[in-house]
Amino acid sequence: MPIDATQPYDDQNIFAKLLRDEIPSKRVYEDDFVVAFHDINPQAPTHILVIPRNPYVSWDDFTAKASDAEIAGVMRAVGHVAREAGLVAPGYRLLVNVGQHGHQEIAHLHIHIFAGRPLGPMLAR
């Protein structure tokens, strides 16, 4: 069920638990700013999620509150993960859902990296 992206951060969400190692994940990368891991319900042959370590509800929350260093660190990490996974040459898609209309389902910012096949148009027509 989509969430309200203006709600306060809930430290019991699934990604907060994953960051505390209360839930296992197949991690592919981590640094001071992010953890990246394979989605447990992939929507493409390659489906990696990149989440900031700090508690941000949404992209809006992140861009309003994160430091410039953290914003740069998250962006660089997304690029690093895509390059390390060999996704640049064939191509990939980044997706961030925000709020109810964006169909955000977990109230922790997460960036989807989709790849592994032609992904088709961005939105259903």
C-alpha atoms as a PDB file:
ATOM      1  CA  MET A   1       0.000   0.000   0.000  1.00  0.00           C
ATOM      2  CA  PRO A   2       1.503   3.373  -0.961  1.00  0.00           C
ATOM      3  CA  ILE A   3       2.632   5.567   1.901  1.00  0.00           C
ATOM      4  CA  ASP A   4       2.425   9.264   2.674  1.00  0.00           C
ATOM      5  CA  ALA A   5       5.925  10.623   1.952  1.00  0.00           C
ATOM      6  CA  THR A   6       5.458  13.396   4.530  1.00  0.00           C
ATOM      7  CA  GLN A   7       5.018  11.010   7.460  1.00  0.00           C
ATOM      8  CA  PRO A   8       7.699  10.813  10.171  1.00  0.00           C
ATOM      9  CA  TYR A   9      10.393   8.163   9.765  1.00  0.00           C
ATOM     10  CA  ASP A  10       9.446   4.771  11.231  1.00  0.00           C
ATOM     11  CA  ASP A  11      12.545   2.944  12.481  1.00  0.00           C
ATOM     12  CA  GLN A  12      10.656  -0.360  12.289  1.00  0.00           C
ATOM     13  CA  ASN A  13      10.349  -0.341   8.483  1.00  0.00           C
ATOM     14  CA  ILE A  14      11.901  -3.254   6.621  1.00  0.00           C
ATOM     15  CA  PHE A  15      14.906  -1.259   5.377  1.00  0.00           C
ATOM     16  CA  ALA A  16      15.694   0.081   8.851  1.00  0.00           C
ATOM     17  CA  LYS A  17      15.670  -3.527  10.078  1.00  0.00           C
ATOM     18  CA  LEU A  18      17.878  -4.571   7.161  1.00  0.00           C
ATOM     19  CA  LEU A  19      20.377  -1.821   8.033  1.00  0.00           C
ATOM     20  CA  ARG A  20      20.493  -3.175  11.614  1.00  0.00           C
ATOM     21  CA  ASP A  21      21.062  -6.715  10.245  1.00  0.00           C
ATOM     22  CA  GLU A  22      17.756  -7.899  11.722  1.00  0.00           C
ATOM     23  CA  ILE A  23      16.724  -9.021   8.217  1.00  0.00           C
ATOM     24  CA  PRO A  24      19.144 -10.776   5.851  1.00  0.00           C
ATOM     25  CA  SER A  25      19.956  -9.355   2.433  1.00  0.00           C
ATOM     26  CA  LYS A  26      22.121 -10.243  -0.533  1.00  0.00           C
ATOM     27  CA  ARG A  27      24.347  -7.182  -0.373  1.00  0.00           C
ATOM     28  CA  VAL A  28      26.364  -6.133  -3.387  1.00  0.00           C
ATOM     29  CA  TYR A  29      27.901  -2.934  -2.020  1.00  0.00           C
ATOM     30  CA  GLU A  30      28.106  -0.821   1.100  1.00  0.00           C
ATOM     31  CA  ASP A  31      29.984   2.237   2.242  1.00  0.00           C
ATOM     32  CA  ASP A  32      29.551   5.056   4.765  1.00  0.00           C
ATOM     33  CA  PHE A  33      26.483   6.390   2.933  1.00  0.00           C
ATOM     34  CA  VAL A  34      24.565   3.419   1.485  1.00  0.00           C
ATOM     35  CA  VAL A  35      23.811  -0.258   1.417  1.00  0.00           C
ATOM     36  CA  ALA A  36      22.956  -1.868  -1.954  1.00  0.00           C
ATOM     37  CA  PHE A  37      21.332  -5.281  -2.252  1.00  0.00           C
ATOM     38  CA  HIS A  38      19.264  -7.469  -4.570  1.00  0.00           C
ATOM     39  CA  ASP A  39      15.500  -6.974  -4.305  1.00  0.00           C
ATOM     40  CA  ILE A  40      13.755 -10.023  -2.844  1.00  0.00           C
ATOM     41  CA  ASN A  41      10.928  -9.638  -5.385  1.00  0.00           C
ATOM     42  CA  PRO A  42      12.771  -8.604  -8.561  1.00  0.00           C
ATOM     43  CA  GLN A  43      10.835  -6.825 -11.299  1.00  0.00           C
ATOM     44  CA  ALA A  44      13.636  -7.282 -13.876  1.00  0.00           C
ATOM     45  CA  PRO A  45      16.456  -9.825 -14.314  1.00  0.00           C
ATOM     46  CA  THR A  46      18.674  -7.417 -12.371  1.00  0.00           C
ATOM     47  CA  HIS A  47      16.910  -5.456  -9.640  1.00  0.00           C
ATOM     48  CA  ILE A  48      19.147  -3.825  -7.057  1.00  0.00           C
ATOM     49  CA  LEU A  49      18.046  -1.427  -4.336  1.00  0.00           C
ATOM     50  CA  VAL A  50      20.321   1.296  -2.999  1.00  0.00           C
ATOM     51  CA  ILE A  51      19.319   2.777   0.355  1.00  0.00           C
ATOM     52  CA  PRO A  52      20.948   5.501   2.420  1.00  0.00           C
ATOM     53  CA  ARG A  53      22.138   4.475   5.857  1.00  0.00           C
ATOM     54  CA  ASN A  54      20.477   7.513   7.423  1.00  0.00           C
ATOM     55  CA  PRO A  55      16.718   7.688   8.090  1.00  0.00           C
ATOM     56  CA  TYR A  56      15.052   9.459   5.166  1.00  0.00           C
ATOM     57  CA  VAL A  57      11.400   8.765   4.360  1.00  0.00           C
ATOM     58  CA  SER A  58      11.598   9.772   0.689  1.00  0.00           C
ATOM     59  CA  TRP A  59      13.597  11.513  -2.023  1.00  0.00           C
ATOM     60  CA  ASP A  60      12.012  14.785  -0.922  1.00  0.00           C
ATOM     61  CA  ASP A  61      13.023  14.218   2.711  1.00  0.00           C
ATOM     62  CA  PHE A  62      16.559  13.258   1.621  1.00  0.00           C
ATOM     63  CA  THR A  63      17.153  16.229  -0.665  1.00  0.00           C
ATOM     64  CA  ALA A  64      15.783  18.624   1.972  1.00  0.00           C
ATOM     65  CA  LYS A  65      17.763  17.276   4.941  1.00  0.00           C
ATOM     66  CA  ALA A  66      20.901  15.415   3.792  1.00  0.00           C
ATOM     67  CA  SER A  67      24.272  17.127   3.665  1.00  0.00           C
ATOM     68  CA  ASP A  68      25.863  17.871   0.311  1.00  0.00           C
ATOM     69  CA  ALA A  69      28.457  15.173   1.060  1.00  0.00           C
ATOM     70  CA  GLU A  70      25.754  12.583   1.724  1.00  0.00           C
ATOM     71  CA  ILE A  71      23.803  13.493  -1.416  1.00  0.00           C
ATOM     72  CA  ALA A  72      26.985  13.195  -3.481  1.00  0.00           C
ATOM     73  CA  GLY A  73      27.902   9.939  -1.725  1.00  0.00           C
ATOM     74  CA  VAL A  74      24.545   8.342  -2.495  1.00  0.00           C
ATOM     75  CA  MET A  75      24.669   9.442  -6.150  1.00  0.00           C
ATOM     76  CA  ARG A  76      28.231   8.155  -6.564  1.00  0.00           C
ATOM     77  CA  ALA A  77      27.289   4.869  -4.916  1.00  0.00           C
ATOM     78  CA  VAL A  78      24.410   4.316  -7.359  1.00  0.00           C
ATOM     79  CA  GLY A  79      26.787   4.843 -10.288  1.00  0.00           C
ATOM     80  CA  HIS A  80      29.394   2.571  -8.713  1.00  0.00           C
ATOM     81  CA  VAL A  81      26.870  -0.238  -8.192  1.00  0.00           C
ATOM     82  CA  ALA A  82      25.672   0.006 -11.809  1.00  0.00           C
ATOM     83  CA  ARG A  83      29.235  -0.039 -13.160  1.00  0.00           C
ATOM     84  CA  GLU A  84      30.312  -2.944 -10.948  1.00  0.00           C
ATOM     85  CA  ALA A  85      27.253  -4.937 -12.048  1.00  0.00           C
ATOM     86  CA  GLY A  86      28.206  -4.368 -15.711  1.00  0.00           C
ATOM     87  CA  LEU A  87      25.023  -2.477 -16.497  1.00  0.00           C
ATOM     88  CA  VAL A  88      26.337   0.639 -18.243  1.00  0.00           C
ATOM     89  CA  ALA A  89      26.880  -0.762 -21.762  1.00  0.00           C
ATOM     90  CA  PRO A  90      23.514  -2.516 -22.133  1.00  0.00           C
ATOM     91  CA  GLY A  91      21.746   0.186 -20.114  1.00  0.00           C
ATOM     92  CA  TYR A  92      19.650   0.377 -17.001  1.00  0.00           C
ATOM     93  CA  ARG A  93      16.846   2.361 -15.396  1.00  0.00           C
ATOM     94  CA  LEU A  94      16.809   4.197 -12.080  1.00  0.00           C
ATOM     95  CA  LEU A  95      13.517   4.661 -10.279  1.00  0.00           C
ATOM     96  CA  VAL A  96      12.592   6.415  -7.053  1.00  0.00           C
ATOM     97  CA  ASN A  97       8.946   6.335  -6.002  1.00  0.00           C
ATOM     98  CA  VAL A  98       7.723   9.176  -3.789  1.00  0.00           C
ATOM     99  CA  GLY A  99       4.438   9.146  -1.893  1.00  0.00           C
ATOM    100  CA  GLN A 100       1.051   7.761  -2.763  1.00  0.00           C
ATOM    101  CA  HIS A 101       0.856   8.900  -6.390  1.00  0.00           C
ATOM    102  CA  GLY A 102       4.400   7.640  -6.962  1.00  0.00           C
ATOM    103  CA  HIS A 103       3.397   4.296  -5.383  1.00  0.00           C
ATOM    104  CA  GLN A 104       6.080   4.379  -2.671  1.00  0.00           C
ATOM    105  CA  GLU A 105       5.508   1.313  -0.500  1.00  0.00           C
ATOM    106  CA  ILE A 106       8.297   1.552   2.103  1.00  0.00           C
ATOM    107  CA  ALA A 107       8.909   4.737   4.067  1.00  0.00           C
ATOM    108  CA  HIS A 108      12.682   4.681   3.649  1.00  0.00           C
ATOM    109  CA  LEU A 109      14.247   6.242   0.564  1.00  0.00           C
ATOM    110  CA  HIS A 110      15.270   3.522  -1.874  1.00  0.00           C
ATOM    111  CA  ILE A 111      16.610   3.802  -5.381  1.00  0.00           C
ATOM    112  CA  HIS A 112      15.776   0.957  -7.756  1.00  0.00           C
ATOM    113  CA  ILE A 113      18.276  -0.118 -10.414  1.00  0.00           C
ATOM    114  CA  PHE A 114      16.534  -2.210 -13.103  1.00  0.00           C
ATOM    115  CA  ALA A 115      18.420  -3.972 -15.905  1.00  0.00           C
ATOM    116  CA  GLY A 116      18.970  -7.217 -17.748  1.00  0.00           C
ATOM    117  CA  ARG A 117      16.466  -6.816 -20.587  1.00  0.00           C
ATOM    118  CA  PRO A 118      14.840  -4.054 -22.642  1.00  0.00           C
ATOM    119  CA  LEU A 119      12.581  -2.333 -20.142  1.00  0.00           C
ATOM    120  CA  GLY A 120      10.060  -0.772 -22.495  1.00  0.00           C
ATOM    121  CA  PRO A 121       8.344   2.577 -22.072  1.00  0.00           C
ATOM    122  CA  MET A 122       8.560   4.320 -18.733  1.00  0.00           C
ATOM    123  CA  LEU A 123       4.811   4.495 -18.119  1.00  0.00           C
ATOM    124  CA  ALA A 124       1.922   2.482 -19.471  1.00  0.00           C
ATOM    125  CA  ARG A 125       0.246   4.436 -22.244  1.00  0.00           C
END
